[in-house]
Amino acid sequence: MKMALRRIIILTLFPLTLFGQQNFFPILGGQRVGTSVFSFLKIGASARAAGMAEAVVALNQDASSIAYNPAAIGQLSGTQVSSSRVQWPADITYDFLGMSRQLAGSHYLGISAGILHMAPMQETTEYMPHGTGNYFIFQDRFVGLSYSVRMSDRFSFGVTLKHVEENLAGHRMRSMLLDMGTFYWTGFRTLRFSAVLSNFGPQARPEGSYERFILDRETGDEVIIDSEFELFSPPTVFRVGSAMEVIESQRQSLTVSLQLNHPVDNAENIVAGVEYLFLNTLALRGGYKLNVEEEDFSVGAGFYVPVGPAKLRIDFAYTNMIHLSDPTRLSLAVEF
């Protein structure tokens, strides 16, 4: 157990020392809101997770675990496939697909992809507020490859390398980001602990340049120069969480989870979730987020249906937002 604890500490602190130039904890509070790019990566990709306020880094749920903790797929078995659709505010849709498979021995492989998209939007200008007749698109997407290894019966470690791209009216921005996570069973009942660093990578800027008008101090004339776009940081977040079944029997179980999130572009927050499972068939979920301005509570439900040798799960979640319209999520997961 002492060796496993040392591994957790080393693997958790390793990225902080290796990439010390990036300031993970720049300002306590929300002073950096809106300063990161690829913000769609912060959208919850799983209805089960969203129903529990996304306090799931210490839960081994299904292939959607890739989006929260790549080490969690090292706790799964067989082949897992999960897909989700999120109805985001302003008629924006987010689709996610994940798949994980146990390779030889204690090695696990996963792939994932997500796309945030909307219908083409009409271009408007100050002189043509009702539209110019032209349309533009906005689209974010990523593709990720995950690897997890179970180092012992209690501890697993995982990484995800993903390519992220944004397209806003022809302006493209690309970057490679990294997720790293740990998953540890403490040995006390079903208590487990996880630490995850997500969306770590270099700063990114849109490709190309734009025309900028400046005043020539010598002549007093206005001149046009080509300028590069500003660099922005990815939405890096460090999460620490734990979970345990406080009630566990053949007929029912009650899982409680607690998680601390430390994003670089917002204030620290705490999220808590609970899931009640009856007869391994019906799941009811609830969650709450503390120190988050826009979101507060969430609820969800899930149904487990055996289909021959496979297991099918259907999950739905509702998240309450203060100012925006409330998003809903629908997920389908299959285990072979």
Protein backbone atom coordinates (compact mmCIF):
# COMPACT_ATOMS: atom_id res chain seq x y z
CA MET A 1 0.00 0.00 0.00
CA LYS A 2 2.88 2.38 0.77
CA MET A 3 4.29 1.80 -2.72
CA ALA A 4 0.90 2.57 -4.27
CA LEU A 5 0.60 5.80 -2.28
CA ARG A 6 4.05 6.85 -3.44
CA ARG A 7 3.01 6.19 -7.02
CA ILE A 8 -0.06 8.38 -6.64
CA ILE A 9 1.96 11.26 -5.22
CA ILE A 10 4.66 10.97 -7.90
CA LEU A 11 2.22 10.67 -10.80
CA THR A 12 0.14 13.57 -9.52
CA LEU A 13 3.07 15.94 -8.94
CA PHE A 14 5.06 14.88 -12.01
CA PRO A 15 3.20 17.09 -14.55
CA LEU A 16 3.40 20.05 -12.20
CA THR A 17 7.18 19.82 -12.02
CA LEU A 18 7.69 18.88 -15.66
CA PHE A 19 5.64 21.77 -17.00
CA GLY A 20 6.40 24.29 -14.30
CA GLN A 21 6.26 27.22 -16.70
CA GLN A 22 2.46 27.05 -16.83
CA ASN A 23 0.85 28.60 -13.78
CA PHE A 24 -1.90 26.22 -12.69
CA PHE A 25 -3.05 28.29 -9.73
CA PRO A 26 -2.63 31.89 -10.90
CA ILE A 27 -5.41 33.67 -9.02
CA LEU A 28 -7.86 32.38 -6.45
CA GLY A 29 -11.31 33.41 -7.52
CA GLY A 30 -13.04 34.10 -10.79
CA GLN A 31 -10.87 36.91 -12.13
CA ARG A 32 -9.78 34.82 -15.13
CA VAL A 33 -13.25 33.95 -16.41
CA GLY A 34 -13.38 33.87 -20.21
CA THR A 35 -9.60 33.76 -20.72
CA SER A 36 -9.30 30.25 -22.16
CA VAL A 37 -10.04 28.75 -25.57
CA PHE A 38 -11.58 25.38 -26.51
CA SER A 39 -14.13 25.93 -23.74
CA PHE A 40 -16.36 23.20 -25.20
CA LEU A 41 -14.02 20.70 -23.52
CA LYS A 42 -15.62 21.73 -20.22
CA ILE A 43 -19.06 20.50 -21.30
CA GLY A 44 -20.02 17.31 -19.51
CA ALA A 45 -19.97 14.46 -22.01
CA SER A 46 -22.03 11.93 -20.04
CA ALA A 47 -25.64 12.05 -18.86
CA ARG A 48 -24.79 9.86 -15.87
CA ALA A 49 -21.97 12.20 -14.89
CA ALA A 50 -24.08 15.33 -15.40
CA GLY A 51 -26.84 13.90 -13.21
CA MET A 52 -24.27 13.66 -10.40
CA ALA A 53 -22.94 17.21 -11.00
CA GLU A 54 -19.95 15.64 -12.78
CA ALA A 55 -18.43 14.46 -9.50
CA VAL A 56 -17.27 11.30 -11.25
CA VAL A 57 -13.47 11.25 -11.53
CA ALA A 58 -13.48 8.46 -8.93
CA LEU A 59 -16.23 6.44 -10.65
CA ASN A 60 -15.59 3.68 -13.18
CA GLN A 61 -18.74 4.23 -15.23
CA ASP A 62 -18.27 3.32 -18.93
CA ALA A 63 -16.35 4.52 -21.99
CA SER A 64 -17.43 8.09 -21.24
CA SER A 65 -14.99 7.95 -18.32
CA ILE A 66 -12.35 8.88 -20.88
CA ALA A 67 -13.68 12.44 -20.81
CA TYR A 68 -13.23 12.69 -17.03
CA ASN A 69 -10.43 10.34 -15.99
CA PRO A 70 -8.52 8.16 -18.48
CA ALA A 71 -7.32 5.97 -15.59
CA ALA A 72 -10.92 4.86 -14.96
CA ILE A 73 -11.04 2.76 -18.14
CA GLY A 74 -8.41 0.58 -16.47
CA GLN A 75 -11.16 -0.45 -14.06
CA LEU A 76 -13.53 -1.63 -16.81
CA SER A 77 -13.78 -4.98 -18.55
CA GLY A 78 -14.51 -6.15 -22.06
CA THR A 79 -15.48 -3.60 -24.69
CA GLN A 80 -17.37 -0.44 -23.76
CA VAL A 81 -19.08 1.97 -26.16
CA SER A 82 -20.76 5.21 -25.07
CA SER A 83 -22.41 8.00 -27.04
CA SER A 84 -24.07 11.20 -25.84
CA ARG A 85 -25.99 14.15 -27.20
CA VAL A 86 -26.11 17.41 -25.26
CA GLN A 87 -28.67 20.08 -26.09
CA TRP A 88 -26.74 23.20 -25.12
CA PRO A 89 -28.25 26.71 -24.90
CA ALA A 90 -28.71 28.86 -28.03
CA ASP A 91 -29.54 25.84 -30.24
CA ILE A 92 -26.02 24.47 -29.90
CA THR A 93 -25.49 20.71 -29.87
CA TYR A 94 -22.59 18.70 -28.49
CA ASP A 95 -22.10 15.07 -29.58
CA PHE A 96 -19.64 12.69 -27.90
CA LEU A 97 -18.52 9.15 -28.72
CA GLY A 98 -16.15 7.01 -26.68
CA MET A 99 -14.94 3.42 -26.85
CA SER A 100 -12.63 1.44 -24.57
CA ARG A 101 -11.31 -2.11 -24.75
CA GLN A 102 -9.21 -4.29 -22.52
CA LEU A 103 -6.06 -5.37 -24.29
CA ALA A 104 -3.71 -8.13 -23.19
CA GLY A 105 -3.26 -8.36 -19.44
CA SER A 106 -3.65 -5.10 -17.53
CA HIS A 107 -3.48 -2.76 -20.52
CA TYR A 108 -6.48 -0.81 -21.81
CA LEU A 109 -7.02 1.32 -24.90
CA GLY A 110 -9.65 3.96 -25.58
CA ILE A 111 -10.65 6.35 -28.35
CA SER A 112 -12.97 9.33 -28.08
CA ALA A 113 -14.31 12.16 -30.21
CA GLY A 114 -16.56 15.13 -29.66
CA ILE A 115 -18.05 17.88 -31.81
CA LEU A 116 -19.83 21.09 -30.84
CA HIS A 117 -21.89 22.40 -33.74
CA MET A 118 -24.79 24.60 -34.72
CA ALA A 119 -26.75 25.52 -37.83
CA PRO A 120 -25.12 28.07 -40.18
CA MET A 121 -25.61 31.62 -38.88
CA GLN A 122 -26.38 34.59 -41.07
CA GLU A 123 -23.73 37.28 -41.26
CA THR A 124 -24.75 40.78 -40.18
CA THR A 125 -22.94 44.12 -40.18
CA GLU A 126 -23.58 47.54 -38.70
CA TYR A 127 -24.90 48.70 -42.09
CA MET A 128 -26.85 45.50 -42.82
CA PRO A 129 -28.27 44.41 -39.44
CA HIS A 130 -30.82 42.11 -41.11
CA GLY A 131 -28.19 40.07 -42.91
CA THR A 132 -25.78 40.29 -45.82
CA GLY A 133 -26.96 37.08 -47.46
CA ASN A 134 -23.80 35.26 -46.40
CA TYR A 135 -23.63 32.54 -43.74
CA PHE A 136 -20.83 31.29 -41.51
CA ILE A 137 -20.35 28.25 -39.30
CA PHE A 138 -18.99 27.67 -35.81
CA GLN A 139 -17.63 24.27 -34.91
CA ASP A 140 -15.37 22.78 -32.22
CA ARG A 141 -14.16 19.19 -32.29
CA PHE A 142 -11.58 16.86 -30.85
CA VAL A 143 -10.26 13.34 -31.36
CA GLY A 144 -8.45 11.55 -28.53
CA LEU A 145 -6.46 8.36 -27.96
CA SER A 146 -6.30 6.99 -24.41
CA TYR A 147 -4.14 4.40 -22.70
CA SER A 148 -4.53 3.04 -19.18
CA VAL A 149 -2.59 0.43 -17.24
CA ARG A 150 -3.67 -1.31 -14.06
CA MET A 151 -0.46 -1.43 -12.04
CA SER A 152 -2.04 -3.44 -9.24
CA ASP A 153 -5.47 -4.64 -8.12
CA ARG A 154 -5.92 -1.22 -6.46
CA PHE A 155 -4.17 1.30 -8.66
CA SER A 156 -4.41 2.34 -12.32
CA PHE A 157 -2.92 5.20 -14.31
CA GLY A 158 -4.10 6.64 -17.63
CA VAL A 159 -3.30 9.29 -20.24
CA THR A 160 -5.21 10.78 -23.17
CA LEU A 161 -3.63 12.63 -26.08
CA LYS A 162 -6.16 14.62 -28.09
CA HIS A 163 -6.15 16.87 -31.11
CA VAL A 164 -8.47 19.86 -30.66
CA GLU A 165 -9.66 22.18 -33.42
CA GLU A 166 -11.95 25.20 -33.66
CA ASN A 167 -13.47 26.76 -36.76
CA LEU A 168 -15.16 30.14 -36.39
CA ALA A 169 -16.18 31.72 -39.68
CA GLY A 170 -13.11 30.31 -41.42
CA HIS A 171 -10.68 31.18 -38.62
CA ARG A 172 -9.12 27.89 -37.51
CA MET A 173 -7.24 27.12 -34.34
CA ARG A 174 -5.56 23.79 -33.51
CA SER A 175 -3.67 22.33 -30.59
CA MET A 176 -2.60 19.07 -28.95
CA LEU A 177 -3.73 18.60 -25.33
CA LEU A 178 -3.03 16.00 -22.68
CA ASP A 179 -5.07 14.42 -19.88
CA MET A 180 -3.47 12.43 -17.04
CA GLY A 181 -5.28 10.62 -14.26
CA THR A 182 -4.97 8.15 -11.40
CA PHE A 183 -7.47 5.76 -9.82
CA TYR A 184 -6.84 4.20 -6.40
CA TRP A 185 -8.88 1.84 -4.23
CA THR A 186 -8.02 2.65 -0.62
CA GLY A 187 -9.01 -0.76 0.80
CA PHE A 188 -11.62 0.73 3.13
CA ARG A 189 -14.91 -0.77 1.94
CA THR A 190 -15.39 0.60 -1.61
CA LEU A 191 -13.74 3.97 -1.03
CA ARG A 192 -11.67 5.11 -4.00
CA PHE A 193 -9.65 8.23 -4.71
CA SER A 194 -8.64 9.89 -7.98
CA ALA A 195 -6.56 12.85 -9.11
CA VAL A 196 -6.80 14.12 -12.70
CA LEU A 197 -5.15 16.86 -14.76
CA SER A 198 -7.21 17.63 -17.87
CA ASN A 199 -6.71 19.76 -21.00
CA PHE A 200 -3.06 20.51 -20.39
CA GLY A 201 -1.11 21.92 -23.31
CA PRO A 202 0.46 24.93 -24.99
CA GLN A 203 -1.26 28.20 -25.71
CA ALA A 204 -3.00 28.50 -29.06
CA ARG A 205 -4.01 31.25 -31.48
CA PRO A 206 -6.11 31.35 -34.67
CA GLU A 207 -4.18 30.74 -37.87
CA GLY A 208 -3.33 33.60 -40.20
CA SER A 209 -3.47 37.30 -39.43
CA TYR A 210 -5.89 40.22 -39.39
CA GLU A 211 -5.72 43.85 -40.50
CA ARG A 212 -5.28 46.39 -37.74
CA PHE A 213 -5.62 50.16 -38.08
CA ILE A 214 -3.03 52.23 -36.22
CA LEU A 215 -2.06 55.90 -36.21
CA ASP A 216 1.38 56.81 -37.54
CA ARG A 217 2.77 59.24 -34.97
CA GLU A 218 5.17 60.85 -37.43
CA THR A 219 2.73 61.59 -40.26
CA GLY A 220 -0.56 61.47 -38.38
CA ASP A 221 -2.00 59.18 -41.06
CA GLU A 222 -3.92 56.01 -40.39
CA VAL A 223 -2.10 52.93 -41.68
CA ILE A 224 -3.05 49.26 -41.93
CA ILE A 225 -0.75 46.53 -40.65
CA ASP A 226 -1.07 42.73 -40.52
CA SER A 227 -1.13 41.43 -36.96
CA GLU A 228 -1.16 37.97 -35.44
CA PHE A 229 -3.99 36.91 -33.19
CA GLU A 230 -3.43 36.81 -29.44
CA LEU A 231 -2.37 33.61 -27.67
CA PHE A 232 -4.82 31.98 -25.26
CA SER A 233 -4.47 29.15 -22.76
CA PRO A 234 -6.47 25.90 -22.90
CA PRO A 235 -9.06 25.22 -20.16
CA THR A 236 -6.71 23.25 -17.91
CA VAL A 237 -8.34 21.89 -14.76
CA PHE A 238 -7.05 19.84 -11.84
CA ARG A 239 -9.57 17.58 -10.13
CA VAL A 240 -9.39 15.54 -6.94
CA GLY A 241 -12.31 13.30 -6.03
CA SER A 242 -13.47 10.32 -4.01
CA ALA A 243 -16.49 8.00 -4.09
CA MET A 244 -17.94 5.16 -2.04
CA GLU A 245 -21.01 2.96 -1.83
CA VAL A 246 -22.49 3.80 1.56
CA ILE A 247 -25.23 1.18 0.98
CA GLU A 248 -24.52 -1.97 -1.00
CA SER A 249 -26.61 -5.14 -1.25
CA GLN A 250 -28.01 -7.45 -3.90
CA ARG A 251 -31.17 -5.35 -4.27
CA GLN A 252 -29.86 -1.81 -4.02
CA SER A 253 -26.83 0.43 -3.67
CA LEU A 254 -26.21 4.08 -2.85
CA THR A 255 -23.09 5.79 -4.18
CA VAL A 256 -21.86 9.13 -2.83
CA SER A 257 -19.11 11.17 -4.50
CA LEU A 258 -17.30 14.39 -3.66
CA GLN A 259 -14.90 16.32 -5.87
CA LEU A 260 -12.74 19.48 -5.80
CA ASN A 261 -12.15 21.26 -9.13
CA HIS A 262 -9.40 23.81 -9.70
CA PRO A 263 -9.67 25.37 -13.21
CA VAL A 264 -7.19 27.94 -14.45
CA ASP A 265 -9.94 30.15 -15.90
CA ASN A 266 -12.43 30.23 -13.05
CA ALA A 267 -12.84 29.95 -9.31
CA GLU A 268 -12.30 26.74 -7.39
CA ASN A 269 -15.49 24.81 -6.82
CA ILE A 270 -16.75 21.72 -5.04
CA VAL A 271 -19.26 19.31 -6.57
CA ALA A 272 -21.12 16.46 -4.91
CA GLY A 273 -23.22 13.70 -6.39
CA VAL A 274 -25.34 10.75 -5.33
CA GLU A 275 -26.67 7.74 -7.24
CA TYR A 276 -29.27 5.23 -6.06
CA LEU A 277 -29.42 1.94 -7.97
CA PHE A 278 -32.38 -0.42 -7.49
CA LEU A 279 -32.26 -4.07 -8.62
CA ASN A 280 -29.39 -3.20 -10.99
CA THR A 281 -32.07 -1.81 -13.30
CA LEU A 282 -33.17 1.70 -12.31
CA ALA A 283 -30.77 4.48 -11.27
CA LEU A 284 -31.77 7.84 -9.80
CA ARG A 285 -29.18 10.59 -9.50
CA GLY A 286 -28.72 14.06 -8.10
CA GLY A 287 -25.90 16.54 -7.72
CA TYR A 288 -25.01 20.04 -6.61
CA LYS A 289 -22.20 22.49 -7.46
CA LEU A 290 -20.84 24.93 -4.90
CA ASN A 291 -19.19 28.25 -5.88
CA VAL A 292 -20.36 27.98 -9.50
CA GLU A 293 -22.28 31.06 -10.66
CA GLU A 294 -24.31 29.72 -13.58
CA GLU A 295 -25.07 26.09 -12.65
CA ASP A 296 -26.30 24.71 -9.35
CA PHE A 297 -28.26 21.46 -9.15
CA SER A 298 -28.77 18.58 -11.55
CA VAL A 299 -30.89 15.43 -11.63
CA GLY A 300 -30.88 12.33 -13.78
CA ALA A 301 -32.06 8.77 -14.28
CA GLY A 302 -30.78 5.64 -15.94
CA PHE A 303 -32.14 2.29 -17.09
CA TYR A 304 -30.07 -0.90 -17.38
CA VAL A 305 -31.37 -3.39 -19.94
CA PRO A 306 -29.70 -6.73 -20.82
CA VAL A 307 -29.70 -7.41 -24.56
CA GLY A 308 -28.44 -10.94 -25.07
CA PRO A 309 -24.79 -11.12 -24.00
CA ALA A 310 -24.54 -7.31 -23.97
CA LYS A 311 -25.64 -4.78 -21.39
CA LEU A 312 -27.42 -1.61 -22.54
CA ARG A 313 -27.77 1.52 -20.42
CA ILE A 314 -29.86 4.58 -21.24
CA ASP A 315 -29.21 7.73 -19.20
CA PHE A 316 -30.88 11.13 -19.10
CA ALA A 317 -29.85 14.26 -17.17
CA TYR A 318 -31.20 17.74 -16.58
CA THR A 319 -28.99 20.61 -15.41
CA ASN A 320 -30.40 23.81 -13.95
CA MET A 321 -28.86 27.07 -15.14
CA ILE A 322 -29.53 30.48 -13.66
CA HIS A 323 -29.54 32.72 -16.75
CA LEU A 324 -29.30 30.43 -19.78
CA SER A 325 -31.74 27.79 -20.95
CA ASP A 326 -31.32 24.47 -19.15
CA PRO A 327 -29.32 21.84 -21.07
CA THR A 328 -30.42 18.22 -21.30
CA ARG A 329 -28.33 15.13 -22.02
CA LEU A 330 -29.11 11.70 -23.41
CA SER A 331 -26.53 8.91 -23.34
CA LEU A 332 -26.44 5.34 -24.62
CA ALA A 333 -23.83 2.91 -23.36
CA VAL A 334 -23.20 -0.72 -24.36
CA GLU A 335 -20.92 -3.26 -22.70
CA PHE A 336 -19.90 -6.40 -24.63
